[in-house]
C-alpha atoms as a PDB file:
ATOM      1  CA  MET A   1      32.320  60.391  47.820  1.00  0.00           C
ATOM      2  CA  ALA A   2      33.066  62.155  51.030  1.00  0.00           C
ATOM      3  CA  SER A   3      33.633  60.768  54.482  1.00  0.00           C
ATOM      4  CA  THR A   4      33.936  62.563  57.913  1.00  0.00           C
ATOM      5  CA  GLU A   5      36.807  60.154  58.688  1.00  0.00           C
ATOM      6  CA  ASP A   6      40.496  61.388  58.759  1.00  0.00           C
ATOM      7  CA  ILE A   7      42.709  60.811  55.626  1.00  0.00           C
ATOM      8  CA  ALA A   8      44.363  57.679  56.877  1.00  0.00           C
ATOM      9  CA  THR A   9      41.088  56.012  57.447  1.00  0.00           C
ATOM     10  CA  THR A  10      39.552  57.156  54.170  1.00  0.00           C
ATOM     11  CA  THR A  11      42.636  55.992  52.413  1.00  0.00           C
ATOM     12  CA  ALA A  12      42.605  52.658  54.085  1.00  0.00           C
ATOM     13  CA  PHE A  13      38.827  52.200  53.249  1.00  0.00           C
ATOM     14  CA  ALA A  14      39.526  53.136  49.579  1.00  0.00           C
ATOM     15  CA  GLN A  15      42.478  50.596  49.245  1.00  0.00           C
ATOM     16  CA  ALA A  16      40.511  47.854  50.998  1.00  0.00           C
ATOM     17  CA  ASN A  17      37.643  48.271  48.639  1.00  0.00           C
ATOM     18  CA  GLN A  18      39.799  48.852  45.720  1.00  0.00           C
ATOM     19  CA  ALA A  19      37.907  52.137  44.906  1.00  0.00           C
ATOM     20  CA  ASP A  20      38.837  53.626  41.443  1.00  0.00           C
ATOM     21  CA  PHE A  21      37.502  57.075  42.450  1.00  0.00           C
ATOM     22  CA  VAL A  22      38.544  59.762  44.937  1.00  0.00           C
ATOM     23  CA  ILE A  23      37.029  59.805  48.357  1.00  0.00           C
ATOM     24  CA  LEU A  24      37.308  63.227  50.143  1.00  0.00           C
ATOM     25  CA  SER A  25      38.385  63.122  53.711  1.00  0.00           C
ATOM     26  CA  ASP A  26      36.046  65.735  55.525  1.00  0.00           C
ATOM     27  CA  ALA A  27      37.589  65.178  58.974  1.00  0.00           C
ATOM     28  CA  GLY A  28      36.801  68.817  59.844  1.00  0.00           C
ATOM     29  CA  LYS A  29      33.123  68.231  58.742  1.00  0.00           C
ATOM     30  CA  ASP A  30      32.935  71.361  56.676  1.00  0.00           C
ATOM     31  CA  VAL A  31      31.490  69.768  53.561  1.00  0.00           C
ATOM     32  CA  ALA A  32      28.959  67.790  55.563  1.00  0.00           C
ATOM     33  CA  ARG A  33      27.830  70.981  57.251  1.00  0.00           C
ATOM     34  CA  ALA A  34      27.710  72.866  54.025  1.00  0.00           C
ATOM     35  CA  TYR A  35      25.527  70.177  52.292  1.00  0.00           C
ATOM     36  CA  GLY A  36      23.277  69.969  55.378  1.00  0.00           C
ATOM     37  CA  VAL A  37      23.998  66.322  56.057  1.00  0.00           C
ATOM     38  CA  LEU A  38      25.850  66.436  59.385  1.00  0.00           C
ATOM     39  CA  THR A  39      23.884  64.502  61.992  1.00  0.00           C
ATOM     40  CA  PRO A  40      23.767  65.297  65.673  1.00  0.00           C
ATOM     41  CA  ALA A  41      26.045  62.352  66.263  1.00  0.00           C
ATOM     42  CA  GLY A  42      28.806  64.038  64.170  1.00  0.00           C
ATOM     43  CA  TYR A  43      28.727  61.833  61.114  1.00  0.00           C
ATOM     44  CA  ALA A  44      27.518  62.593  57.627  1.00  0.00           C
ATOM     45  CA  ALA A  45      24.099  61.046  56.656  1.00  0.00           C
ATOM     46  CA  ARG A  46      24.421  59.013  53.465  1.00  0.00           C
ATOM     47  CA  ARG A  47      23.178  61.163  50.521  1.00  0.00           C
ATOM     48  CA  THR A  48      23.869  61.200  46.770  1.00  0.00           C
ATOM     49  CA  PHE A  49      23.897  64.733  45.290  1.00  0.00           C
ATOM     50  CA  TYR A  50      23.783  64.822  41.621  1.00  0.00           C
ATOM     51  CA  ILE A  51      25.447  68.062  40.405  1.00  0.00           C
ATOM     52  CA  ASP A  52      25.073  69.244  36.774  1.00  0.00           C
ATOM     53  CA  PRO A  53      27.868  70.587  34.592  1.00  0.00           C
ATOM     54  CA  THR A  54      26.930  74.189  35.588  1.00  0.00           C
ATOM     55  CA  GLY A  55      27.152  73.347  39.350  1.00  0.00           C
ATOM     56  CA  VAL A  56      23.469  73.075  40.097  1.00  0.00           C
ATOM     57  CA  VAL A  57      22.279  70.325  42.269  1.00  0.00           C
ATOM     58  CA  SER A  58      19.692  68.507  40.142  1.00  0.00           C
ATOM     59  CA  PHE A  59      18.827  65.800  42.432  1.00  0.00           C
ATOM     60  CA  ILE A  60      19.375  64.566  46.045  1.00  0.00           C
ATOM     61  CA  ASP A  61      18.940  60.955  46.755  1.00  0.00           C
ATOM     62  CA  SER A  62      18.147  60.480  50.564  1.00  0.00           C
ATOM     63  CA  GLN A  63      17.316  56.897  50.205  1.00  0.00           C
ATOM     64  CA  VAL A  64      20.856  55.636  49.328  1.00  0.00           C
ATOM     65  CA  SER A  65      21.333  51.766  49.718  1.00  0.00           C
ATOM     66  CA  ALA A  66      24.936  50.623  49.990  1.00  0.00           C
ATOM     67  CA  LEU A  67      24.060  47.432  48.311  1.00  0.00           C
ATOM     68  CA  HIS A  68      22.359  49.178  45.398  1.00  0.00           C
ATOM     69  CA  ALA A  69      24.200  52.534  45.130  1.00  0.00           C
ATOM     70  CA  GLY A  70      26.036  51.679  41.909  1.00  0.00           C
ATOM     71  CA  ARG A  71      22.943  50.524  40.114  1.00  0.00           C
ATOM     72  CA  ASP A  72      20.823  53.424  41.490  1.00  0.00           C
ATOM     73  CA  ILE A  73      23.554  55.968  40.456  1.00  0.00           C
ATOM     74  CA  ALA A  74      23.820  54.682  36.937  1.00  0.00           C
ATOM     75  CA  ALA A  75      19.933  54.743  36.418  1.00  0.00           C
ATOM     76  CA  ARG A  76      19.675  58.344  37.959  1.00  0.00           C
ATOM     77  CA  LEU A  77      22.552  59.502  35.610  1.00  0.00           C
ATOM     78  CA  SER A  78      20.702  57.840  32.777  1.00  0.00           C
ATOM     79  CA  ALA A  79      17.359  59.560  33.617  1.00  0.00           C
ATOM     80  CA  LEU A  80      19.361  62.814  33.841  1.00  0.00           C
ATOM     81  CA  GLY A  81      20.815  62.278  30.432  1.00  0.00           C
ATOM     82  CA  THR A  82      24.418  62.033  31.654  1.00  0.00           C
ATOM     83  CA  ALA A  83      24.945  58.244  31.508  1.00  0.00           C
ATOM     84  CA  GLY A  84      28.538  57.403  31.334  1.00  0.00           C
ATOM     85  CA  ALA A  85      29.621  60.836  32.705  1.00  0.00           C
ATOM     86  CA  ARG A  86      32.216  60.766  35.622  1.00  0.00           C
END
């Protein structure tokens, strides 16, 4: 997960939500620009990029739902044959 917020804000978000994964602080917005998701308003559009073990983007989900993201990610990983991968 990546956020265009600063490190302090990203860390507070992760702690408040008890995240058990790393959240990248992209305050300079370089990653958002590189992935083509930086909006004119200056924040990153919500997308999930599925990157295979060789570094190739195998799928981009542009219909991400915060309420169903976990379930959707698990289903997509299963469909890609990588269920349980982290």
